[in-house]
Amino acid sequence: GGPTASGKSAAAIRCALRLGGEIISADSMQLYRGMDIGTAKPDAHERALAAHHLIDVLDPASAGADLADYTAMCADAIADIAGRGAVPILCGGTGLYIDTLISGTVLSDSASSPELRAVHIPCGTLDTKAMEHRSIGLAVLIASVHNVARPVLCPDLV
């Protein structure tokens, strides 16, 4: 994880080229077509250097994707990439997506609840561990075949 335009994509591309990998976006806004401003989506040249997944896959006019939707799409992408013998590389700035994949949290298939979404959680009461991955910097998370991600820093990435 990390802030927009901090070099995550460039690091992931170098790692993909070195390891024979493909990149899976872990960015909640890069999922949506047309949402290019402020998302630092990889450009055509960067996408040509390494295959990218979960970018421009949803219409912003749709109902959207929640965490369960993302993890399901990501699990499919990981299985597809690993099934072809390539290395899945998770890269993006949405810490909750990364944390959920790393922890192996199993999410319900049930529909989201508007009642739960309406609950107000006061700022500062959330577990700060949910934000730890933002301090990893340019570490690239490589997903294993078992849908579990582990932090890996490729040599000479910086």
N, C-alpha and C. Protein backbone atom coordinates (compact mmCIF):
# COMPACT_ATOMS: atom_id res chain seq x y z
N GLY A 1 0.81 -1.18 0.00
CA GLY A 1 0.00 0.00 0.00
C GLY A 1 0.86 1.25 0.00
N GLY A 2 0.22 2.37 -0.03
CA GLY A 2 0.90 3.63 0.02
C GLY A 2 0.13 4.67 -0.76
N PRO A 3 0.56 5.93 -0.69
CA PRO A 3 -0.15 7.00 -1.37
C PRO A 3 -0.10 6.89 -2.89
N THR A 4 -1.07 7.52 -3.53
CA THR A 4 -1.12 7.57 -4.99
C THR A 4 0.18 8.17 -5.53
N ALA A 5 0.68 7.58 -6.61
CA ALA A 5 1.88 8.06 -7.32
C ALA A 5 3.15 7.99 -6.47
N SER A 6 3.22 6.97 -5.59
CA SER A 6 4.43 6.81 -4.75
C SER A 6 5.41 5.81 -5.34
N GLY A 7 5.10 5.23 -6.50
CA GLY A 7 6.03 4.31 -7.15
C GLY A 7 5.67 2.84 -7.05
N LYS A 8 4.50 2.53 -6.51
CA LYS A 8 4.11 1.13 -6.35
C LYS A 8 4.02 0.41 -7.69
N SER A 9 3.39 1.05 -8.67
CA SER A 9 3.21 0.40 -9.97
C SER A 9 4.54 0.13 -10.66
N ALA A 10 5.44 1.10 -10.62
CA ALA A 10 6.75 0.92 -11.24
C ALA A 10 7.50 -0.23 -10.57
N ALA A 11 7.41 -0.30 -9.25
CA ALA A 11 8.06 -1.39 -8.51
C ALA A 11 7.44 -2.73 -8.88
N ALA A 12 6.12 -2.76 -8.99
CA ALA A 12 5.44 -4.01 -9.33
C ALA A 12 5.80 -4.46 -10.74
N ILE A 13 5.93 -3.52 -11.66
CA ILE A 13 6.31 -3.87 -13.04
C ILE A 13 7.71 -4.46 -13.06
N ARG A 14 8.64 -3.83 -12.35
CA ARG A 14 10.01 -4.39 -12.29
C ARG A 14 10.00 -5.80 -11.69
N CYS A 15 9.21 -5.98 -10.65
CA CYS A 15 9.11 -7.29 -10.01
C CYS A 15 8.48 -8.30 -10.99
N ALA A 16 7.44 -7.90 -11.70
CA ALA A 16 6.78 -8.79 -12.67
C ALA A 16 7.74 -9.22 -13.77
N LEU A 17 8.52 -8.27 -14.26
CA LEU A 17 9.49 -8.59 -15.32
C LEU A 17 10.56 -9.55 -14.81
N ARG A 18 10.97 -9.37 -13.58
CA ARG A 18 12.01 -10.20 -13.00
C ARG A 18 11.52 -11.61 -12.65
N LEU A 19 10.26 -11.70 -12.21
CA LEU A 19 9.74 -12.98 -11.71
C LEU A 19 8.81 -13.70 -12.68
N GLY A 20 8.53 -13.08 -13.81
CA GLY A 20 7.56 -13.68 -14.73
C GLY A 20 6.16 -13.57 -14.14
N GLY A 21 5.84 -12.39 -13.64
CA GLY A 21 4.57 -12.21 -12.96
C GLY A 21 3.58 -11.35 -13.70
N GLU A 22 2.38 -11.31 -13.16
CA GLU A 22 1.30 -10.44 -13.65
C GLU A 22 0.76 -9.69 -12.45
N ILE A 23 0.34 -8.45 -12.67
CA ILE A 23 -0.02 -7.54 -11.59
C ILE A 23 -1.54 -7.51 -11.39
N ILE A 24 -1.94 -7.63 -10.14
CA ILE A 24 -3.35 -7.51 -9.76
C ILE A 24 -3.49 -6.21 -8.98
N SER A 25 -4.35 -5.32 -9.46
CA SER A 25 -4.56 -4.05 -8.78
C SER A 25 -5.28 -4.26 -7.46
N ALA A 26 -4.75 -3.62 -6.41
CA ALA A 26 -5.41 -3.59 -5.10
C ALA A 26 -5.79 -2.15 -4.80
N ASP A 27 -6.46 -1.53 -5.77
CA ASP A 27 -6.88 -0.14 -5.64
C ASP A 27 -8.38 -0.06 -5.91
N SER A 28 -9.12 0.44 -4.94
CA SER A 28 -10.58 0.45 -5.04
C SER A 28 -11.10 1.32 -6.18
N MET A 29 -10.37 2.33 -6.60
CA MET A 29 -10.84 3.21 -7.67
C MET A 29 -10.41 2.74 -9.06
N GLN A 30 -9.31 1.99 -9.14
CA GLN A 30 -8.84 1.52 -10.43
C GLN A 30 -9.76 0.45 -11.01
N LEU A 31 -10.65 -0.10 -10.21
CA LEU A 31 -11.63 -1.07 -10.71
C LEU A 31 -12.56 -0.46 -11.75
N TYR A 32 -12.78 0.86 -11.65
CA TYR A 32 -13.83 1.51 -12.45
C TYR A 32 -13.31 2.16 -13.72
N ARG A 33 -14.00 1.85 -14.83
CA ARG A 33 -13.71 2.48 -16.12
C ARG A 33 -14.00 3.98 -16.03
N GLY A 34 -13.12 4.76 -16.64
CA GLY A 34 -13.34 6.20 -16.72
C GLY A 34 -12.88 6.97 -15.49
N MET A 35 -12.54 6.30 -14.43
CA MET A 35 -12.08 6.99 -13.22
C MET A 35 -10.55 7.05 -13.25
N ASP A 36 -10.04 7.87 -14.15
CA ASP A 36 -8.60 7.92 -14.37
C ASP A 36 -7.91 9.04 -13.60
N ILE A 37 -8.61 10.11 -13.32
CA ILE A 37 -8.01 11.24 -12.62
C ILE A 37 -7.84 10.89 -11.15
N GLY A 38 -6.64 11.06 -10.64
CA GLY A 38 -6.37 10.81 -9.24
C GLY A 38 -6.16 9.37 -8.86
N THR A 39 -6.20 8.46 -9.83
CA THR A 39 -6.03 7.03 -9.51
C THR A 39 -4.67 6.50 -9.90
N ALA A 40 -3.93 7.24 -10.71
CA ALA A 40 -2.61 6.81 -11.18
C ALA A 40 -2.65 5.42 -11.79
N LYS A 41 -3.67 5.18 -12.62
CA LYS A 41 -3.75 3.89 -13.31
C LYS A 41 -2.53 3.74 -14.22
N PRO A 42 -2.01 2.52 -14.35
CA PRO A 42 -0.90 2.31 -15.28
C PRO A 42 -1.33 2.70 -16.69
N ASP A 43 -0.45 3.39 -17.42
CA ASP A 43 -0.77 3.80 -18.78
C ASP A 43 -0.57 2.62 -19.75
N ALA A 44 -0.83 2.86 -21.03
CA ALA A 44 -0.75 1.81 -22.04
C ALA A 44 0.65 1.21 -22.11
N HIS A 45 1.68 2.04 -21.99
CA HIS A 45 3.05 1.54 -22.04
C HIS A 45 3.33 0.61 -20.85
N GLU A 46 2.92 1.03 -19.66
CA GLU A 46 3.13 0.20 -18.47
C GLU A 46 2.35 -1.11 -18.56
N ARG A 47 1.13 -1.04 -19.08
CA ARG A 47 0.31 -2.25 -19.24
C ARG A 47 0.91 -3.19 -20.28
N ALA A 48 1.63 -2.63 -21.24
CA ALA A 48 2.28 -3.47 -22.26
C ALA A 48 3.51 -4.19 -21.68
N LEU A 49 4.14 -3.60 -20.68
CA LEU A 49 5.31 -4.21 -20.07
C LEU A 49 4.96 -5.44 -19.24
N ALA A 50 3.82 -5.39 -18.56
CA ALA A 50 3.37 -6.50 -17.72
C ALA A 50 1.85 -6.54 -17.74
N ALA A 51 1.30 -7.75 -17.76
CA ALA A 51 -0.16 -7.90 -17.73
C ALA A 51 -0.71 -7.36 -16.41
N HIS A 52 -1.84 -6.66 -16.50
CA HIS A 52 -2.50 -6.09 -15.33
C HIS A 52 -3.92 -6.65 -15.24
N HIS A 53 -4.38 -6.85 -14.02
CA HIS A 53 -5.73 -7.37 -13.78
C HIS A 53 -6.47 -6.46 -12.81
N LEU A 54 -7.80 -6.49 -12.89
CA LEU A 54 -8.71 -5.73 -12.02
C LEU A 54 -8.54 -4.22 -12.18
N ILE A 55 -8.30 -3.81 -13.42
CA ILE A 55 -8.28 -2.38 -13.77
C ILE A 55 -9.33 -2.18 -14.86
N ASP A 56 -10.19 -1.18 -14.68
CA ASP A 56 -11.25 -0.87 -15.65
C ASP A 56 -12.19 -2.04 -15.89
N VAL A 57 -12.57 -2.75 -14.82
CA VAL A 57 -13.43 -3.91 -14.98
C VAL A 57 -14.89 -3.64 -14.62
N LEU A 58 -15.17 -2.48 -14.01
CA LEU A 58 -16.54 -2.17 -13.61
C LEU A 58 -16.99 -0.84 -14.17
N ASP A 59 -18.29 -0.74 -14.40
CA ASP A 59 -18.91 0.50 -14.84
C ASP A 59 -19.24 1.32 -13.59
N PRO A 60 -18.80 2.59 -13.52
CA PRO A 60 -19.08 3.38 -12.31
C PRO A 60 -20.58 3.59 -12.06
N ALA A 61 -21.41 3.40 -13.07
CA ALA A 61 -22.86 3.56 -12.89
C ALA A 61 -23.48 2.32 -12.24
N SER A 62 -22.70 1.25 -12.12
CA SER A 62 -23.21 0.03 -11.50
C SER A 62 -23.28 0.22 -9.99
N ALA A 63 -23.77 -0.79 -9.31
CA ALA A 63 -23.91 -0.71 -7.85
C ALA A 63 -22.57 -0.64 -7.14
N GLY A 64 -21.51 -0.96 -7.84
CA GLY A 64 -20.19 -0.91 -7.22
C GLY A 64 -19.76 -2.25 -6.68
N ALA A 65 -18.57 -2.26 -6.13
CA ALA A 65 -18.01 -3.49 -5.58
C ALA A 65 -17.63 -3.25 -4.13
N ASP A 66 -17.98 -4.21 -3.29
CA ASP A 66 -17.56 -4.11 -1.89
C ASP A 66 -16.35 -5.01 -1.68
N LEU A 67 -15.91 -5.11 -0.45
CA LEU A 67 -14.72 -5.89 -0.13
C LEU A 67 -14.88 -7.36 -0.52
N ALA A 68 -16.06 -7.92 -0.29
CA ALA A 68 -16.30 -9.32 -0.65
C ALA A 68 -16.20 -9.51 -2.17
N ASP A 69 -16.76 -8.55 -2.93
CA ASP A 69 -16.67 -8.62 -4.39
C ASP A 69 -15.21 -8.57 -4.84
N TYR A 70 -14.45 -7.63 -4.25
CA TYR A 70 -13.05 -7.50 -4.64
C TYR A 70 -12.28 -8.78 -4.33
N THR A 71 -12.44 -9.32 -3.13
CA THR A 71 -11.66 -10.51 -2.79
C THR A 71 -12.03 -11.69 -3.68
N ALA A 72 -13.29 -11.79 -4.08
CA ALA A 72 -13.69 -12.86 -5.00
C ALA A 72 -13.05 -12.66 -6.37
N MET A 73 -13.07 -11.41 -6.88
CA MET A 73 -12.43 -11.13 -8.17
C MET A 73 -10.93 -11.39 -8.09
N CYS A 74 -10.32 -11.00 -6.98
CA CYS A 74 -8.89 -11.19 -6.80
C CYS A 74 -8.53 -12.67 -6.72
N ALA A 75 -9.33 -13.45 -6.00
CA ALA A 75 -9.09 -14.90 -5.91
C ALA A 75 -9.15 -15.54 -7.30
N ASP A 76 -10.11 -15.11 -8.12
CA ASP A 76 -10.21 -15.63 -9.49
C ASP A 76 -8.97 -15.25 -10.30
N ALA A 77 -8.53 -13.99 -10.16
CA ALA A 77 -7.34 -13.54 -10.89
C ALA A 77 -6.11 -14.31 -10.45
N ILE A 78 -5.95 -14.52 -9.14
CA ILE A 78 -4.81 -15.27 -8.62
C ILE A 78 -4.80 -16.69 -9.19
N ALA A 79 -5.95 -17.35 -9.16
CA ALA A 79 -6.05 -18.72 -9.68
C ALA A 79 -5.73 -18.77 -11.17
N ASP A 80 -6.24 -17.79 -11.92
CA ASP A 80 -5.99 -17.73 -13.37
C ASP A 80 -4.50 -17.55 -13.66
N ILE A 81 -3.89 -16.60 -12.98
CA ILE A 81 -2.47 -16.29 -13.21
C ILE A 81 -1.60 -17.47 -12.80
N ALA A 82 -1.82 -17.98 -11.60
CA ALA A 82 -1.02 -19.11 -11.11
C ALA A 82 -1.25 -20.35 -11.96
N GLY A 83 -2.47 -20.52 -12.45
CA GLY A 83 -2.79 -21.66 -13.30
C GLY A 83 -2.03 -21.66 -14.61
N ARG A 84 -1.60 -20.49 -15.04
CA ARG A 84 -0.80 -20.38 -16.26
C ARG A 84 0.69 -20.38 -15.96
N GLY A 85 1.05 -20.60 -14.67
CA GLY A 85 2.45 -20.69 -14.29
C GLY A 85 3.13 -19.35 -14.05
N ALA A 86 2.36 -18.27 -14.01
CA ALA A 86 2.93 -16.95 -13.74
C ALA A 86 2.79 -16.64 -12.25
N VAL A 87 3.48 -15.59 -11.82
CA VAL A 87 3.45 -15.18 -10.41
C VAL A 87 2.46 -14.03 -10.24
N PRO A 88 1.42 -14.22 -9.42
CA PRO A 88 0.49 -13.11 -9.15
C PRO A 88 1.14 -12.08 -8.23
N ILE A 89 1.09 -10.81 -8.62
CA ILE A 89 1.70 -9.74 -7.83
C ILE A 89 0.61 -8.74 -7.48
N LEU A 90 0.37 -8.56 -6.20
CA LEU A 90 -0.66 -7.65 -5.72
C LEU A 90 -0.04 -6.28 -5.50
N CYS A 91 -0.67 -5.24 -6.09
CA CYS A 91 -0.09 -3.90 -5.99
C CYS A 91 -1.21 -2.87 -5.94
N GLY A 92 -1.18 -2.02 -4.92
CA GLY A 92 -2.18 -0.96 -4.85
C GLY A 92 -2.21 -0.30 -3.50
N GLY A 93 -3.01 0.73 -3.40
CA GLY A 93 -3.02 1.54 -2.20
C GLY A 93 -4.24 1.39 -1.31
N THR A 94 -5.12 0.44 -1.59
CA THR A 94 -6.28 0.25 -0.72
C THR A 94 -5.91 -0.76 0.35
N GLY A 95 -5.49 -0.24 1.49
CA GLY A 95 -4.98 -1.07 2.57
C GLY A 95 -5.94 -2.15 3.03
N LEU A 96 -7.24 -1.85 3.06
CA LEU A 96 -8.21 -2.84 3.50
C LEU A 96 -8.21 -4.05 2.57
N TYR A 97 -8.08 -3.83 1.26
CA TYR A 97 -8.02 -4.95 0.31
C TYR A 97 -6.80 -5.82 0.62
N ILE A 98 -5.66 -5.19 0.80
CA ILE A 98 -4.41 -5.90 1.05
C ILE A 98 -4.49 -6.64 2.39
N ASP A 99 -4.95 -5.96 3.44
CA ASP A 99 -5.06 -6.58 4.76
C ASP A 99 -5.95 -7.81 4.73
N THR A 100 -7.07 -7.71 4.03
CA THR A 100 -8.02 -8.83 3.97
C THR A 100 -7.40 -10.02 3.26
N LEU A 101 -6.69 -9.77 2.18
CA LEU A 101 -6.05 -10.87 1.45
C LEU A 101 -4.93 -11.51 2.27
N ILE A 102 -4.14 -10.69 2.94
CA ILE A 102 -3.03 -11.22 3.74
C ILE A 102 -3.55 -12.04 4.92
N SER A 103 -4.60 -11.53 5.57
CA SER A 103 -5.11 -12.21 6.76
C SER A 103 -5.88 -13.47 6.44
N GLY A 104 -6.31 -13.60 5.18
CA GLY A 104 -7.10 -14.77 4.81
C GLY A 104 -8.52 -14.71 5.34
N THR A 105 -8.98 -13.52 5.68
CA THR A 105 -10.33 -13.34 6.21
C THR A 105 -11.35 -13.86 5.20
N VAL A 106 -12.27 -14.69 5.67
CA VAL A 106 -13.34 -15.20 4.82
C VAL A 106 -14.53 -14.27 4.97
N LEU A 107 -15.01 -13.77 3.84
CA LEU A 107 -16.12 -12.82 3.86
C LEU A 107 -17.41 -13.51 3.46
N SER A 108 -18.50 -13.03 3.97
CA SER A 108 -19.82 -13.59 3.69
C SER A 108 -20.21 -13.33 2.24
N ASP A 109 -20.93 -14.26 1.67
CA ASP A 109 -21.46 -14.09 0.32
C ASP A 109 -22.79 -13.34 0.34
N SER A 110 -23.31 -13.05 1.53
CA SER A 110 -24.61 -12.39 1.63
C SER A 110 -24.52 -10.95 1.13
N ALA A 111 -25.65 -10.42 0.76
CA ALA A 111 -25.72 -9.05 0.26
C ALA A 111 -25.31 -8.07 1.35
N SER A 112 -24.76 -6.93 0.95
CA SER A 112 -24.37 -5.92 1.93
C SER A 112 -25.61 -5.36 2.61
N SER A 113 -25.41 -4.88 3.80
CA SER A 113 -26.52 -4.39 4.61
C SER A 113 -26.50 -2.87 4.70
N PRO A 114 -27.52 -2.19 4.17
CA PRO A 114 -27.60 -0.73 4.30
C PRO A 114 -27.64 -0.30 5.77
N GLU A 115 -28.24 -1.13 6.63
CA GLU A 115 -28.32 -0.81 8.06
C GLU A 115 -26.92 -0.75 8.66
N LEU A 116 -26.08 -1.73 8.31
CA LEU A 116 -24.72 -1.74 8.84
C LEU A 116 -23.90 -0.60 8.26
N ARG A 117 -24.09 -0.28 6.98
CA ARG A 117 -23.36 0.82 6.37
C ARG A 117 -23.71 2.15 7.01
N ALA A 118 -24.91 2.26 7.59
CA ALA A 118 -25.35 3.51 8.19
C ALA A 118 -24.80 3.71 9.59
N VAL A 119 -24.22 2.68 10.19
CA VAL A 119 -23.68 2.79 11.54
C VAL A 119 -22.47 3.72 11.52
N HIS A 120 -22.43 4.67 12.42
CA HIS A 120 -21.32 5.62 12.49
C HIS A 120 -20.27 5.10 13.47
N ILE A 121 -19.03 5.00 13.02
CA ILE A 121 -17.92 4.60 13.87
C ILE A 121 -17.07 5.84 14.10
N PRO A 122 -16.99 6.31 15.34
CA PRO A 122 -16.21 7.52 15.61
C PRO A 122 -14.76 7.38 15.18
N CYS A 123 -14.23 8.45 14.61
CA CYS A 123 -12.84 8.46 14.16
C CYS A 123 -11.92 8.15 15.34
N GLY A 124 -10.91 7.34 15.10
CA GLY A 124 -9.95 7.01 16.13
C GLY A 124 -10.26 5.73 16.87
N THR A 125 -11.45 5.14 16.63
CA THR A 125 -11.78 3.91 17.34
C THR A 125 -11.43 2.67 16.53
N LEU A 126 -11.07 2.85 15.29
CA LEU A 126 -10.71 1.71 14.46
C LEU A 126 -9.33 1.20 14.83
N ASP A 127 -9.11 -0.07 14.65
CA ASP A 127 -7.82 -0.68 14.95
C ASP A 127 -6.76 -0.12 14.00
N THR A 128 -5.72 0.47 14.54
CA THR A 128 -4.68 1.08 13.69
C THR A 128 -3.90 0.04 12.91
N LYS A 129 -3.99 -1.23 13.30
CA LYS A 129 -3.28 -2.27 12.55
C LYS A 129 -3.82 -2.37 11.13
N ALA A 130 -5.05 -1.95 10.90
CA ALA A 130 -5.62 -1.99 9.56
C ALA A 130 -4.88 -1.08 8.61
N MET A 131 -4.12 -0.14 9.15
CA MET A 131 -3.40 0.81 8.30
C MET A 131 -1.90 0.51 8.22
N GLU A 132 -1.43 -0.54 8.88
CA GLU A 132 0.00 -0.82 8.92
C GLU A 132 0.64 -0.97 7.54
N HIS A 133 -0.07 -1.54 6.59
CA HIS A 133 0.53 -1.80 5.29
C HIS A 133 0.83 -0.53 4.51
N ARG A 134 0.26 0.59 4.91
CA ARG A 134 0.58 1.85 4.24
C ARG A 134 2.02 2.25 4.50
N SER A 135 2.65 1.68 5.54
CA SER A 135 4.03 2.03 5.84
C SER A 135 5.04 1.10 5.17
N ILE A 136 4.57 0.15 4.41
CA ILE A 136 5.48 -0.78 3.75
C ILE A 136 6.28 -0.08 2.66
N GLY A 137 5.75 1.01 2.11
CA GLY A 137 6.46 1.72 1.05
C GLY A 137 6.35 0.97 -0.25
N LEU A 138 7.50 0.60 -0.82
CA LEU A 138 7.50 -0.02 -2.13
C LEU A 138 7.48 -1.54 -2.07
N ALA A 139 7.21 -2.10 -0.90
CA ALA A 139 7.12 -3.56 -0.83
C ALA A 139 6.00 -4.03 -1.74
N VAL A 140 6.22 -5.06 -2.44
CA VAL A 140 5.22 -5.62 -3.34
C VAL A 140 4.74 -6.92 -2.74
N LEU A 141 3.45 -7.11 -2.72
CA LEU A 141 2.91 -8.32 -2.14
C LEU A 141 2.69 -9.36 -3.23
N ILE A 142 3.30 -10.50 -3.03
CA ILE A 142 3.18 -11.56 -4.02
C ILE A 142 2.23 -12.62 -3.48
N ALA A 143 1.19 -12.88 -4.20
CA ALA A 143 0.20 -13.84 -3.76
C ALA A 143 0.65 -15.26 -4.09
N SER A 144 0.47 -16.13 -3.15
CA SER A 144 0.85 -17.52 -3.38
C SER A 144 -0.28 -18.25 -4.10
N VAL A 145 -0.03 -19.44 -4.51
CA VAL A 145 -1.04 -20.24 -5.20
C VAL A 145 -2.22 -20.52 -4.27
N HIS A 146 -1.98 -20.45 -2.97
CA HIS A 146 -3.03 -20.76 -2.00
C HIS A 146 -3.85 -19.53 -1.62
N ASN A 147 -3.83 -18.50 -2.44
CA ASN A 147 -4.60 -17.27 -2.21
C ASN A 147 -4.20 -16.55 -0.93
N VAL A 148 -2.99 -16.72 -0.50
CA VAL A 148 -2.48 -16.00 0.67
C VAL A 148 -1.34 -15.13 0.18
N ALA A 149 -1.35 -13.87 0.59
CA ALA A 149 -0.29 -12.96 0.16
C ALA A 149 0.77 -12.88 1.24
N ARG A 150 2.02 -12.75 0.82
CA ARG A 150 3.10 -12.55 1.77
C ARG A 150 3.94 -11.39 1.28
N PRO A 151 4.42 -10.54 2.23
CA PRO A 151 5.21 -9.39 1.79
C PRO A 151 6.56 -9.85 1.24
N VAL A 152 6.90 -9.35 0.07
CA VAL A 152 8.19 -9.68 -0.55
C VAL A 152 8.75 -8.39 -1.13
N LEU A 153 9.99 -8.08 -0.81
CA LEU A 153 10.62 -6.91 -1.41
C LEU A 153 11.63 -7.43 -2.43
N CYS A 154 11.37 -7.20 -3.69
CA CYS A 154 12.28 -7.65 -4.73
C CYS A 154 13.57 -6.85 -4.64
N PRO A 155 14.73 -7.48 -4.85
CA PRO A 155 16.00 -6.74 -4.80
C PRO A 155 16.04 -5.63 -5.84
N ASP A 156 16.68 -4.55 -5.50
CA ASP A 156 16.91 -3.42 -6.41
C ASP A 156 15.63 -2.79 -6.93
N LEU A 157 14.56 -2.81 -6.15
CA LEU A 157 13.33 -2.19 -6.61
C LEU A 157 13.37 -0.69 -6.54
N VAL A 158 14.11 -0.17 -5.61
CA VAL A 158 14.09 1.27 -5.40
C VAL A 158 15.13 1.96 -6.24
